[in-house]
């Protein structure tokens, strides 16, 4: 079984920064794409940023220039550095990973972590 555990969320004032982390554990042979999604109250879950194993990253327009995604392949961990936070960045942030195990490849979600940006 595989688990994704997120950390680093919390309450921050507008203009502040947070760094989210997500560690994958279990019988993992390799991790393809890792990413972060956000679900704001009353809205659908949306992609914030994603990164491939080789380091290529893509971002939603809302986070370009403010957010930076990175990963530590040796530790099966993905990070999201969020700077110049805005109230509209508020939501539950979910880690997502496309994981290769013995004989199969599956997509996993973390439990979600709250990020609240006050104005």
N, C-alpha and C. Protein backbone atom coordinates (compact mmCIF):
# COMPACT_ATOMS: atom_id res chain seq x y z
N UNK A 1 0.84 -1.19 0.00
CA UNK A 1 0.00 0.00 0.00
C UNK A 1 0.88 1.24 0.00
N UNK A 2 0.36 2.31 -0.58
CA UNK A 2 1.10 3.57 -0.68
C UNK A 2 0.35 4.65 0.07
N UNK A 3 1.10 5.49 0.75
CA UNK A 3 0.51 6.64 1.43
C UNK A 3 1.21 7.91 0.99
N UNK A 4 0.44 8.99 0.86
CA UNK A 4 0.97 10.32 0.63
C UNK A 4 0.61 11.16 1.85
N UNK A 5 1.61 11.75 2.48
CA UNK A 5 1.38 12.53 3.69
C UNK A 5 1.85 13.95 3.46
N UNK A 6 0.91 14.89 3.57
CA UNK A 6 1.21 16.30 3.35
C UNK A 6 1.52 17.01 4.66
N UNK A 7 2.30 18.06 4.59
CA UNK A 7 2.59 18.89 5.75
C UNK A 7 2.92 20.30 5.28
N UNK A 8 2.86 21.25 6.22
CA UNK A 8 3.30 22.61 5.93
C UNK A 8 2.21 23.62 5.72
N UNK A 9 0.97 23.21 5.78
CA UNK A 9 -0.12 24.16 5.60
C UNK A 9 -0.31 25.02 6.83
N UNK A 10 -1.31 25.89 6.76
CA UNK A 10 -1.60 26.73 7.91
C UNK A 10 -2.22 28.05 7.52
N UNK A 11 -2.18 28.98 8.46
CA UNK A 11 -2.74 30.31 8.27
C UNK A 11 -1.61 31.31 8.07
N UNK A 12 -1.75 32.14 7.05
CA UNK A 12 -0.72 33.13 6.75
C UNK A 12 -1.40 34.40 6.25
N UNK A 13 -0.76 35.53 6.47
CA UNK A 13 -1.31 36.78 5.96
C UNK A 13 -0.98 36.94 4.47
N UNK A 14 -1.79 37.70 3.81
CA UNK A 14 -1.53 37.99 2.40
C UNK A 14 -0.13 38.57 2.24
N UNK A 15 0.56 38.08 1.22
CA UNK A 15 1.94 38.49 0.98
C UNK A 15 2.96 37.57 1.61
N UNK A 16 2.50 36.68 2.46
CA UNK A 16 3.39 35.75 3.13
C UNK A 16 3.71 34.53 2.29
N UNK A 17 4.42 33.60 2.90
CA UNK A 17 4.88 32.39 2.20
C UNK A 17 4.58 31.15 3.03
N UNK A 18 4.41 30.06 2.31
CA UNK A 18 4.29 28.74 2.92
C UNK A 18 5.01 27.75 2.03
N UNK A 19 5.49 26.69 2.65
CA UNK A 19 6.12 25.60 1.89
C UNK A 19 5.42 24.31 2.27
N UNK A 20 4.78 23.71 1.28
CA UNK A 20 4.11 22.43 1.47
C UNK A 20 5.05 21.30 1.10
N UNK A 21 4.91 20.20 1.84
CA UNK A 21 5.68 19.00 1.53
C UNK A 21 4.73 17.82 1.45
N UNK A 22 5.10 16.86 0.64
CA UNK A 22 4.31 15.63 0.52
C UNK A 22 5.28 14.47 0.34
N UNK A 23 5.23 13.53 1.26
CA UNK A 23 6.11 12.38 1.21
C UNK A 23 5.31 11.13 0.89
N UNK A 24 5.78 10.39 -0.09
CA UNK A 24 5.15 9.12 -0.46
C UNK A 24 5.92 7.98 0.17
N UNK A 25 5.17 7.01 0.69
CA UNK A 25 5.81 5.85 1.29
C UNK A 25 5.07 4.59 0.88
N UNK A 26 5.77 3.46 0.95
CA UNK A 26 5.17 2.19 0.58
C UNK A 26 6.06 1.45 -0.38
N UNK A 27 5.50 0.46 -1.04
CA UNK A 27 6.27 -0.39 -1.96
C UNK A 27 6.38 0.30 -3.33
N UNK A 28 7.18 1.34 -3.35
CA UNK A 28 7.29 2.19 -4.52
C UNK A 28 8.52 1.83 -5.34
N UNK A 29 8.31 1.57 -6.62
CA UNK A 29 9.43 1.34 -7.52
C UNK A 29 9.85 2.63 -8.21
N UNK A 30 8.90 3.49 -8.43
CA UNK A 30 9.21 4.76 -9.06
C UNK A 30 7.99 5.66 -9.05
N UNK A 31 8.23 6.97 -9.13
CA UNK A 31 7.13 7.92 -9.17
C UNK A 31 7.25 8.75 -10.44
N UNK A 32 6.22 8.78 -11.20
CA UNK A 32 6.21 9.54 -12.45
C UNK A 32 5.86 10.98 -12.10
N UNK A 33 4.68 11.41 -12.42
CA UNK A 33 4.29 12.78 -12.12
C UNK A 33 3.90 12.94 -10.65
N UNK A 34 4.33 14.04 -10.06
CA UNK A 34 3.85 14.45 -8.73
C UNK A 34 3.28 15.86 -8.87
N UNK A 35 2.23 16.12 -8.13
CA UNK A 35 1.62 17.43 -8.28
C UNK A 35 0.82 17.86 -7.09
N UNK A 36 0.41 19.11 -7.13
CA UNK A 36 -0.44 19.71 -6.11
C UNK A 36 -1.70 20.25 -6.75
N UNK A 37 -2.80 19.97 -6.08
CA UNK A 37 -4.10 20.47 -6.50
C UNK A 37 -4.71 21.26 -5.35
N UNK A 38 -5.61 22.15 -5.69
CA UNK A 38 -6.27 22.97 -4.68
C UNK A 38 -7.78 22.90 -4.89
N UNK A 39 -8.48 22.82 -3.76
CA UNK A 39 -9.94 22.89 -3.81
C UNK A 39 -10.40 24.00 -2.87
N UNK A 40 -10.89 25.07 -3.46
CA UNK A 40 -11.43 26.18 -2.69
C UNK A 40 -12.88 25.88 -2.32
N UNK A 41 -13.38 26.52 -1.28
CA UNK A 41 -14.77 26.26 -0.87
C UNK A 41 -15.75 26.50 -2.02
N UNK A 42 -16.59 25.52 -2.29
CA UNK A 42 -17.60 25.64 -3.33
C UNK A 42 -17.09 25.51 -4.74
N UNK A 43 -15.82 25.15 -4.89
CA UNK A 43 -15.24 25.03 -6.23
C UNK A 43 -14.69 23.64 -6.45
N UNK A 44 -14.43 23.36 -7.72
CA UNK A 44 -13.85 22.07 -8.06
C UNK A 44 -12.35 22.06 -7.77
N UNK A 45 -11.83 20.87 -7.58
CA UNK A 45 -10.40 20.71 -7.39
C UNK A 45 -9.69 21.08 -8.70
N UNK A 46 -8.61 21.85 -8.58
CA UNK A 46 -7.88 22.29 -9.76
C UNK A 46 -6.39 22.11 -9.58
N UNK A 47 -5.71 21.93 -10.68
CA UNK A 47 -4.26 21.78 -10.66
C UNK A 47 -3.59 23.10 -10.28
N UNK A 48 -2.62 23.00 -9.37
CA UNK A 48 -1.79 24.15 -9.02
C UNK A 48 -0.44 24.05 -9.74
N UNK A 49 0.19 22.88 -9.63
CA UNK A 49 1.48 22.67 -10.26
C UNK A 49 1.76 21.19 -10.31
N UNK A 50 2.57 20.77 -11.29
CA UNK A 50 2.95 19.37 -11.42
C UNK A 50 4.38 19.30 -11.90
N UNK A 51 5.05 18.19 -11.57
CA UNK A 51 6.45 18.05 -11.95
C UNK A 51 6.72 16.60 -12.31
N UNK A 52 7.45 16.41 -13.41
CA UNK A 52 7.85 15.09 -13.84
C UNK A 52 9.13 14.65 -13.12
N UNK A 53 9.46 13.39 -13.27
CA UNK A 53 10.64 12.88 -12.60
C UNK A 53 11.92 13.59 -13.00
N UNK A 54 11.99 14.02 -14.24
CA UNK A 54 13.18 14.70 -14.73
C UNK A 54 13.26 16.16 -14.35
N UNK A 55 12.20 16.66 -13.72
CA UNK A 55 12.22 18.03 -13.24
C UNK A 55 11.39 19.02 -14.04
N UNK A 56 10.85 18.57 -15.18
CA UNK A 56 10.01 19.50 -15.94
C UNK A 56 8.75 19.79 -15.15
N UNK A 57 8.41 21.08 -15.02
CA UNK A 57 7.27 21.49 -14.22
C UNK A 57 6.32 22.35 -15.03
N UNK A 58 5.05 22.27 -14.67
CA UNK A 58 4.09 23.20 -15.25
C UNK A 58 3.19 23.73 -14.14
N UNK A 59 2.69 24.93 -14.37
CA UNK A 59 1.95 25.65 -13.35
C UNK A 59 0.63 26.18 -13.90
N UNK A 60 -0.35 26.25 -13.03
CA UNK A 60 -1.56 26.98 -13.38
C UNK A 60 -1.21 28.46 -13.48
N UNK A 61 -1.92 29.18 -14.31
CA UNK A 61 -1.63 30.60 -14.51
C UNK A 61 -1.68 31.37 -13.19
N UNK A 62 -2.55 30.94 -12.29
CA UNK A 62 -2.73 31.67 -11.02
C UNK A 62 -1.47 31.67 -10.16
N UNK A 63 -0.61 30.67 -10.36
CA UNK A 63 0.57 30.56 -9.51
C UNK A 63 1.88 30.90 -10.18
N UNK A 64 1.85 31.14 -11.46
CA UNK A 64 3.09 31.43 -12.19
C UNK A 64 3.78 32.66 -11.64
N UNK A 65 5.07 32.52 -11.39
CA UNK A 65 5.85 33.62 -10.85
C UNK A 65 5.81 33.70 -9.33
N UNK A 66 4.88 32.99 -8.72
CA UNK A 66 4.76 33.03 -7.24
C UNK A 66 5.04 31.66 -6.61
N UNK A 67 4.68 30.60 -7.30
CA UNK A 67 4.83 29.25 -6.76
C UNK A 67 5.97 28.53 -7.47
N UNK A 68 6.60 27.63 -6.72
CA UNK A 68 7.67 26.82 -7.30
C UNK A 68 7.54 25.39 -6.78
N UNK A 69 7.44 24.45 -7.71
CA UNK A 69 7.34 23.05 -7.33
C UNK A 69 8.68 22.38 -7.54
N UNK A 70 9.04 21.49 -6.63
CA UNK A 70 10.29 20.74 -6.75
C UNK A 70 10.09 19.37 -6.14
N UNK A 71 11.05 18.49 -6.36
CA UNK A 71 10.93 17.15 -5.79
C UNK A 71 12.29 16.60 -5.45
N UNK A 72 12.28 15.71 -4.48
CA UNK A 72 13.47 14.96 -4.08
C UNK A 72 13.17 13.50 -4.42
N UNK A 73 13.69 13.04 -5.52
CA UNK A 73 13.36 11.68 -5.97
C UNK A 73 13.88 10.63 -5.01
N UNK A 74 15.00 10.89 -4.37
CA UNK A 74 15.54 9.92 -3.43
C UNK A 74 14.67 9.72 -2.20
N UNK A 75 13.88 10.75 -1.87
CA UNK A 75 13.01 10.69 -0.71
C UNK A 75 11.54 10.61 -1.08
N UNK A 76 11.27 10.47 -2.38
CA UNK A 76 9.87 10.37 -2.85
C UNK A 76 9.02 11.52 -2.30
N UNK A 77 9.56 12.70 -2.35
CA UNK A 77 8.90 13.87 -1.75
C UNK A 77 8.78 14.98 -2.78
N UNK A 78 7.66 15.66 -2.73
CA UNK A 78 7.43 16.82 -3.58
C UNK A 78 7.15 18.02 -2.67
N UNK A 79 7.62 19.18 -3.13
CA UNK A 79 7.47 20.41 -2.37
C UNK A 79 6.74 21.46 -3.22
N UNK A 80 6.04 22.34 -2.53
CA UNK A 80 5.44 23.49 -3.21
C UNK A 80 5.77 24.73 -2.38
N UNK A 81 6.65 25.56 -2.91
CA UNK A 81 6.98 26.82 -2.28
C UNK A 81 6.01 27.87 -2.80
N UNK A 82 5.27 28.48 -1.89
CA UNK A 82 4.27 29.47 -2.28
C UNK A 82 4.64 30.82 -1.67
N UNK A 83 4.90 31.77 -2.54
CA UNK A 83 5.27 33.12 -2.12
C UNK A 83 4.20 34.12 -2.55
N UNK A 84 4.25 35.29 -1.95
CA UNK A 84 3.29 36.36 -2.28
C UNK A 84 1.86 35.83 -2.29
N UNK A 85 1.51 35.14 -1.24
CA UNK A 85 0.21 34.49 -1.17
C UNK A 85 -0.92 35.52 -1.15
N UNK A 86 -2.03 35.11 -1.78
CA UNK A 86 -3.21 35.95 -1.88
C UNK A 86 -4.39 35.24 -1.22
N UNK A 87 -5.39 35.98 -0.79
CA UNK A 87 -6.56 35.32 -0.19
C UNK A 87 -7.19 34.28 -1.12
N UNK A 88 -7.12 34.51 -2.41
CA UNK A 88 -7.71 33.55 -3.35
C UNK A 88 -6.91 32.25 -3.47
N UNK A 89 -5.75 32.19 -2.83
CA UNK A 89 -4.99 30.93 -2.77
C UNK A 89 -5.53 30.01 -1.67
N UNK A 90 -6.45 30.49 -0.89
CA UNK A 90 -7.03 29.71 0.20
C UNK A 90 -7.74 28.47 -0.33
N UNK A 91 -7.54 27.36 0.37
CA UNK A 91 -8.20 26.13 0.00
C UNK A 91 -7.53 24.94 0.64
N UNK A 92 -8.04 23.78 0.32
CA UNK A 92 -7.40 22.54 0.74
C UNK A 92 -6.48 22.10 -0.40
N UNK A 93 -5.24 21.89 -0.06
CA UNK A 93 -4.23 21.49 -1.05
C UNK A 93 -4.00 19.98 -0.95
N UNK A 94 -4.10 19.33 -2.10
CA UNK A 94 -3.95 17.89 -2.16
C UNK A 94 -2.70 17.53 -2.98
N UNK A 95 -1.95 16.60 -2.45
CA UNK A 95 -0.83 16.04 -3.17
C UNK A 95 -1.33 14.90 -4.05
N UNK A 96 -0.75 14.77 -5.22
CA UNK A 96 -1.12 13.69 -6.14
C UNK A 96 0.14 13.09 -6.73
N UNK A 97 0.14 11.78 -6.88
CA UNK A 97 1.33 11.13 -7.44
C UNK A 97 0.93 9.93 -8.29
N UNK A 98 1.62 9.79 -9.37
CA UNK A 98 1.44 8.67 -10.29
C UNK A 98 2.57 7.69 -10.00
N UNK A 99 2.23 6.56 -9.36
CA UNK A 99 3.24 5.70 -8.75
C UNK A 99 3.30 4.34 -9.41
N UNK A 100 4.51 3.92 -9.63
CA UNK A 100 4.75 2.61 -10.23
C UNK A 100 5.17 1.64 -9.13
N UNK A 101 4.42 0.53 -9.04
CA UNK A 101 4.73 -0.52 -8.08
C UNK A 101 4.92 -1.81 -8.84
N UNK A 102 5.14 -2.90 -8.13
CA UNK A 102 5.36 -4.18 -8.80
C UNK A 102 4.11 -4.57 -9.57
N UNK A 103 4.23 -4.61 -10.90
CA UNK A 103 3.13 -5.09 -11.71
C UNK A 103 2.04 -4.10 -12.01
N UNK A 104 2.12 -2.88 -11.49
CA UNK A 104 1.05 -1.93 -11.75
C UNK A 104 1.51 -0.50 -11.56
N UNK A 105 0.66 0.39 -12.07
CA UNK A 105 0.87 1.83 -11.93
C UNK A 105 -0.46 2.43 -11.51
N UNK A 106 -0.44 3.18 -10.42
CA UNK A 106 -1.68 3.73 -9.89
C UNK A 106 -1.49 5.19 -9.50
N UNK A 107 -2.60 5.89 -9.44
CA UNK A 107 -2.62 7.29 -9.05
C UNK A 107 -3.12 7.40 -7.62
N UNK A 108 -2.41 8.18 -6.81
CA UNK A 108 -2.76 8.32 -5.40
C UNK A 108 -2.96 9.79 -5.03
N UNK A 109 -3.82 9.99 -4.00
CA UNK A 109 -4.06 11.32 -3.45
C UNK A 109 -3.68 11.33 -1.97
N UNK A 110 -3.19 12.47 -1.52
CA UNK A 110 -3.01 12.67 -0.10
C UNK A 110 -4.35 13.05 0.53
N UNK A 111 -4.32 13.21 1.85
CA UNK A 111 -5.56 13.49 2.57
C UNK A 111 -5.96 14.96 2.50
N UNK A 112 -5.06 15.80 2.06
CA UNK A 112 -5.36 17.23 1.94
C UNK A 112 -4.88 18.00 3.14
N UNK A 113 -4.47 19.25 2.89
CA UNK A 113 -4.00 20.10 3.97
C UNK A 113 -4.53 21.51 3.74
N UNK A 114 -4.98 22.15 4.81
CA UNK A 114 -5.61 23.45 4.68
C UNK A 114 -4.57 24.56 4.59
N UNK A 115 -4.80 25.45 3.64
CA UNK A 115 -4.03 26.69 3.52
C UNK A 115 -5.03 27.84 3.56
N UNK A 116 -4.83 28.74 4.49
CA UNK A 116 -5.72 29.89 4.62
C UNK A 116 -4.89 31.16 4.56
N UNK A 117 -5.25 32.03 3.65
CA UNK A 117 -4.54 33.30 3.48
C UNK A 117 -5.51 34.42 3.86
N UNK A 118 -5.14 35.14 4.90
CA UNK A 118 -6.01 36.23 5.37
C UNK A 118 -5.62 37.55 4.71
N UNK A 119 -6.62 38.38 4.52
CA UNK A 119 -6.37 39.67 3.85
C UNK A 119 -5.99 40.75 4.86
